[in-house]
């Protein structure tokens, strides 16, 4: 059974620039083809919390990951 459309997309204005999270190319070239959708979401959340916030390490609980 298909999920109903997400109402978020009806009012989403699109991406705004120049606000970026820079991450290593390996995420796209090596990890992306090998990760499941759930695993990729975890990697992207952690990349945002480290590379995006210019922090070498981050503490993330399962609740943090589930809320993202």
N, C-alpha and C. Protein backbone atom coordinates (compact mmCIF):
# COMPACT_ATOMS: atom_id res chain seq x y z
N UNK A 1 0.84 -1.17 0.00
CA UNK A 1 0.00 0.00 0.00
C UNK A 1 0.89 1.24 0.00
N UNK A 2 0.63 2.16 -0.87
CA UNK A 2 1.43 3.38 -0.99
C UNK A 2 1.13 4.32 0.16
N UNK A 3 2.19 5.02 0.60
CA UNK A 3 2.01 6.00 1.66
C UNK A 3 1.35 7.26 1.08
N UNK A 4 0.54 7.96 1.87
CA UNK A 4 -0.05 9.21 1.37
C UNK A 4 1.05 10.25 1.17
N UNK A 5 0.83 11.22 0.29
CA UNK A 5 1.85 12.24 0.05
C UNK A 5 2.14 13.03 1.32
N UNK A 6 3.38 13.40 1.48
CA UNK A 6 3.81 14.18 2.64
C UNK A 6 3.41 15.64 2.42
N UNK A 7 2.60 16.24 3.32
CA UNK A 7 2.16 17.63 3.12
C UNK A 7 3.31 18.64 3.14
N UNK A 8 4.47 18.23 3.66
CA UNK A 8 5.64 19.10 3.67
C UNK A 8 5.96 19.62 2.27
N UNK A 9 5.90 18.72 1.28
CA UNK A 9 6.31 19.07 -0.08
C UNK A 9 5.40 20.10 -0.73
N UNK A 10 4.17 20.21 -0.30
CA UNK A 10 3.24 21.18 -0.89
C UNK A 10 3.68 22.62 -0.62
N UNK A 11 4.35 22.85 0.51
CA UNK A 11 4.75 24.22 0.84
C UNK A 11 6.26 24.42 0.86
N UNK A 12 7.03 23.40 0.48
CA UNK A 12 8.49 23.51 0.50
C UNK A 12 8.96 24.47 -0.58
N UNK A 13 9.68 25.56 -0.21
CA UNK A 13 10.09 26.56 -1.19
C UNK A 13 11.30 26.16 -2.04
N UNK A 14 11.99 25.11 -1.68
CA UNK A 14 13.19 24.69 -2.41
C UNK A 14 14.44 24.99 -1.61
N UNK A 15 15.58 24.60 -2.15
CA UNK A 15 16.85 24.78 -1.46
C UNK A 15 17.29 26.23 -1.51
N UNK A 16 17.90 26.65 -0.41
CA UNK A 16 18.44 28.00 -0.35
C UNK A 16 19.96 27.90 -0.33
N UNK A 17 20.64 28.76 -1.04
CA UNK A 17 22.10 28.77 -1.07
C UNK A 17 22.59 30.04 -0.41
N UNK A 18 23.77 30.10 0.05
CA UNK A 18 24.90 29.17 0.05
C UNK A 18 25.12 28.51 1.41
N UNK A 19 24.23 27.73 1.89
CA UNK A 19 24.35 27.06 3.17
C UNK A 19 24.65 25.58 2.91
N UNK A 20 25.89 25.15 3.16
CA UNK A 20 26.33 23.82 2.74
C UNK A 20 26.94 23.03 3.88
N UNK A 21 26.88 21.72 3.77
CA UNK A 21 27.64 20.82 4.61
C UNK A 21 28.61 20.08 3.70
N UNK A 22 29.88 20.37 3.88
CA UNK A 22 30.91 19.74 3.07
C UNK A 22 31.26 18.40 3.71
N UNK A 23 31.38 17.36 2.89
CA UNK A 23 31.77 16.05 3.42
C UNK A 23 32.68 15.35 2.41
N UNK A 24 33.41 14.34 2.87
CA UNK A 24 34.33 13.65 1.97
C UNK A 24 33.62 12.99 0.79
N UNK A 25 34.29 12.96 -0.35
CA UNK A 25 33.75 12.32 -1.54
C UNK A 25 33.47 10.84 -1.31
N UNK A 26 34.19 10.21 -0.39
CA UNK A 26 34.00 8.79 -0.12
C UNK A 26 32.57 8.47 0.30
N UNK A 27 31.91 9.44 0.93
CA UNK A 27 30.52 9.20 1.34
C UNK A 27 29.68 8.86 0.11
N UNK A 28 29.87 9.63 -0.96
CA UNK A 28 29.09 9.39 -2.19
C UNK A 28 29.66 8.27 -3.04
N UNK A 29 30.96 8.22 -3.14
CA UNK A 29 31.59 7.28 -4.07
C UNK A 29 31.76 5.87 -3.52
N UNK A 30 32.00 5.74 -2.22
CA UNK A 30 32.26 4.43 -1.64
C UNK A 30 31.09 3.93 -0.80
N UNK A 31 30.58 4.78 0.09
CA UNK A 31 29.54 4.33 1.01
C UNK A 31 28.15 4.27 0.38
N UNK A 32 27.78 5.30 -0.35
CA UNK A 32 26.42 5.39 -0.89
C UNK A 32 25.96 4.13 -1.63
N UNK A 33 26.78 3.57 -2.52
CA UNK A 33 26.32 2.37 -3.23
C UNK A 33 26.16 1.14 -2.33
N UNK A 34 26.76 1.17 -1.14
CA UNK A 34 26.77 -0.01 -0.28
C UNK A 34 25.81 0.07 0.90
N UNK A 35 25.24 1.22 1.15
CA UNK A 35 24.41 1.42 2.34
C UNK A 35 22.93 1.27 2.03
N UNK A 36 22.21 0.77 3.01
CA UNK A 36 20.75 0.75 2.90
C UNK A 36 20.25 2.18 3.15
N UNK A 37 18.98 2.41 2.90
CA UNK A 37 18.40 3.74 3.11
C UNK A 37 18.55 4.16 4.57
N UNK A 38 18.30 3.27 5.49
CA UNK A 38 18.42 3.60 6.92
C UNK A 38 19.86 3.91 7.30
N UNK A 39 20.78 3.12 6.80
CA UNK A 39 22.19 3.36 7.10
C UNK A 39 22.64 4.70 6.52
N UNK A 40 22.20 5.03 5.32
CA UNK A 40 22.56 6.30 4.70
C UNK A 40 22.03 7.47 5.53
N UNK A 41 20.82 7.36 6.04
CA UNK A 41 20.27 8.43 6.88
C UNK A 41 21.13 8.66 8.11
N UNK A 42 21.60 7.59 8.74
CA UNK A 42 22.46 7.72 9.91
C UNK A 42 23.76 8.42 9.51
N UNK A 43 24.38 8.00 8.41
CA UNK A 43 25.63 8.62 7.95
C UNK A 43 25.42 10.11 7.67
N UNK A 44 24.31 10.46 7.02
CA UNK A 44 24.06 11.87 6.70
C UNK A 44 23.81 12.71 7.95
N UNK A 45 23.10 12.16 8.92
CA UNK A 45 22.88 12.90 10.18
C UNK A 45 24.21 13.13 10.88
N UNK A 46 25.04 12.09 10.95
CA UNK A 46 26.33 12.25 11.62
C UNK A 46 27.27 13.17 10.83
N UNK A 47 27.21 13.13 9.51
CA UNK A 47 28.02 14.04 8.69
C UNK A 47 27.60 15.48 8.96
N UNK A 48 26.31 15.72 9.05
CA UNK A 48 25.81 17.07 9.32
C UNK A 48 26.27 17.55 10.69
N UNK A 49 26.22 16.65 11.67
CA UNK A 49 26.58 17.03 13.04
C UNK A 49 28.09 17.15 13.25
N UNK A 50 28.89 16.60 12.36
CA UNK A 50 30.34 16.74 12.48
C UNK A 50 30.87 17.73 11.44
N UNK A 51 30.84 17.36 10.18
CA UNK A 51 31.36 18.23 9.13
C UNK A 51 30.57 19.53 9.05
N UNK A 52 29.26 19.46 9.16
CA UNK A 52 28.43 20.64 9.03
C UNK A 52 28.58 21.63 10.16
N UNK A 53 28.85 21.13 11.35
CA UNK A 53 29.03 22.00 12.51
C UNK A 53 30.50 22.19 12.85
N UNK A 54 31.39 21.73 11.97
CA UNK A 54 32.84 21.87 12.14
C UNK A 54 33.31 21.29 13.47
N UNK A 55 32.78 20.12 13.82
CA UNK A 55 33.16 19.41 15.04
C UNK A 55 33.81 18.10 14.65
N UNK A 56 34.96 17.76 15.24
CA UNK A 56 35.61 16.50 14.87
C UNK A 56 34.87 15.27 15.39
N UNK A 57 34.13 15.42 16.49
CA UNK A 57 33.37 14.33 17.08
C UNK A 57 31.99 14.84 17.48
N UNK A 58 31.04 13.93 17.60
CA UNK A 58 29.72 14.30 18.09
C UNK A 58 29.18 13.16 18.93
N UNK A 59 28.35 13.51 19.87
CA UNK A 59 27.64 12.50 20.65
C UNK A 59 26.21 12.49 20.17
N UNK A 60 25.75 11.36 19.69
CA UNK A 60 24.38 11.25 19.19
C UNK A 60 23.75 10.01 19.81
N UNK A 61 22.60 10.21 20.40
CA UNK A 61 21.86 9.08 20.98
C UNK A 61 20.96 8.48 19.90
N UNK A 62 20.42 7.32 20.20
CA UNK A 62 19.45 6.73 19.28
C UNK A 62 18.24 7.64 19.12
N UNK A 63 17.85 8.33 20.18
CA UNK A 63 16.74 9.28 20.08
C UNK A 63 17.07 10.43 19.14
N UNK A 64 18.32 10.92 19.16
CA UNK A 64 18.75 11.97 18.24
C UNK A 64 18.62 11.49 16.80
N UNK A 65 19.06 10.28 16.55
CA UNK A 65 19.01 9.74 15.19
C UNK A 65 17.58 9.48 14.76
N UNK A 66 16.75 9.01 15.66
CA UNK A 66 15.36 8.74 15.32
C UNK A 66 14.59 10.04 15.03
N UNK A 67 14.98 11.12 15.70
CA UNK A 67 14.28 12.40 15.49
C UNK A 67 14.70 13.09 14.21
N UNK A 68 15.83 12.70 13.65
CA UNK A 68 16.34 13.38 12.45
C UNK A 68 15.64 12.92 11.21
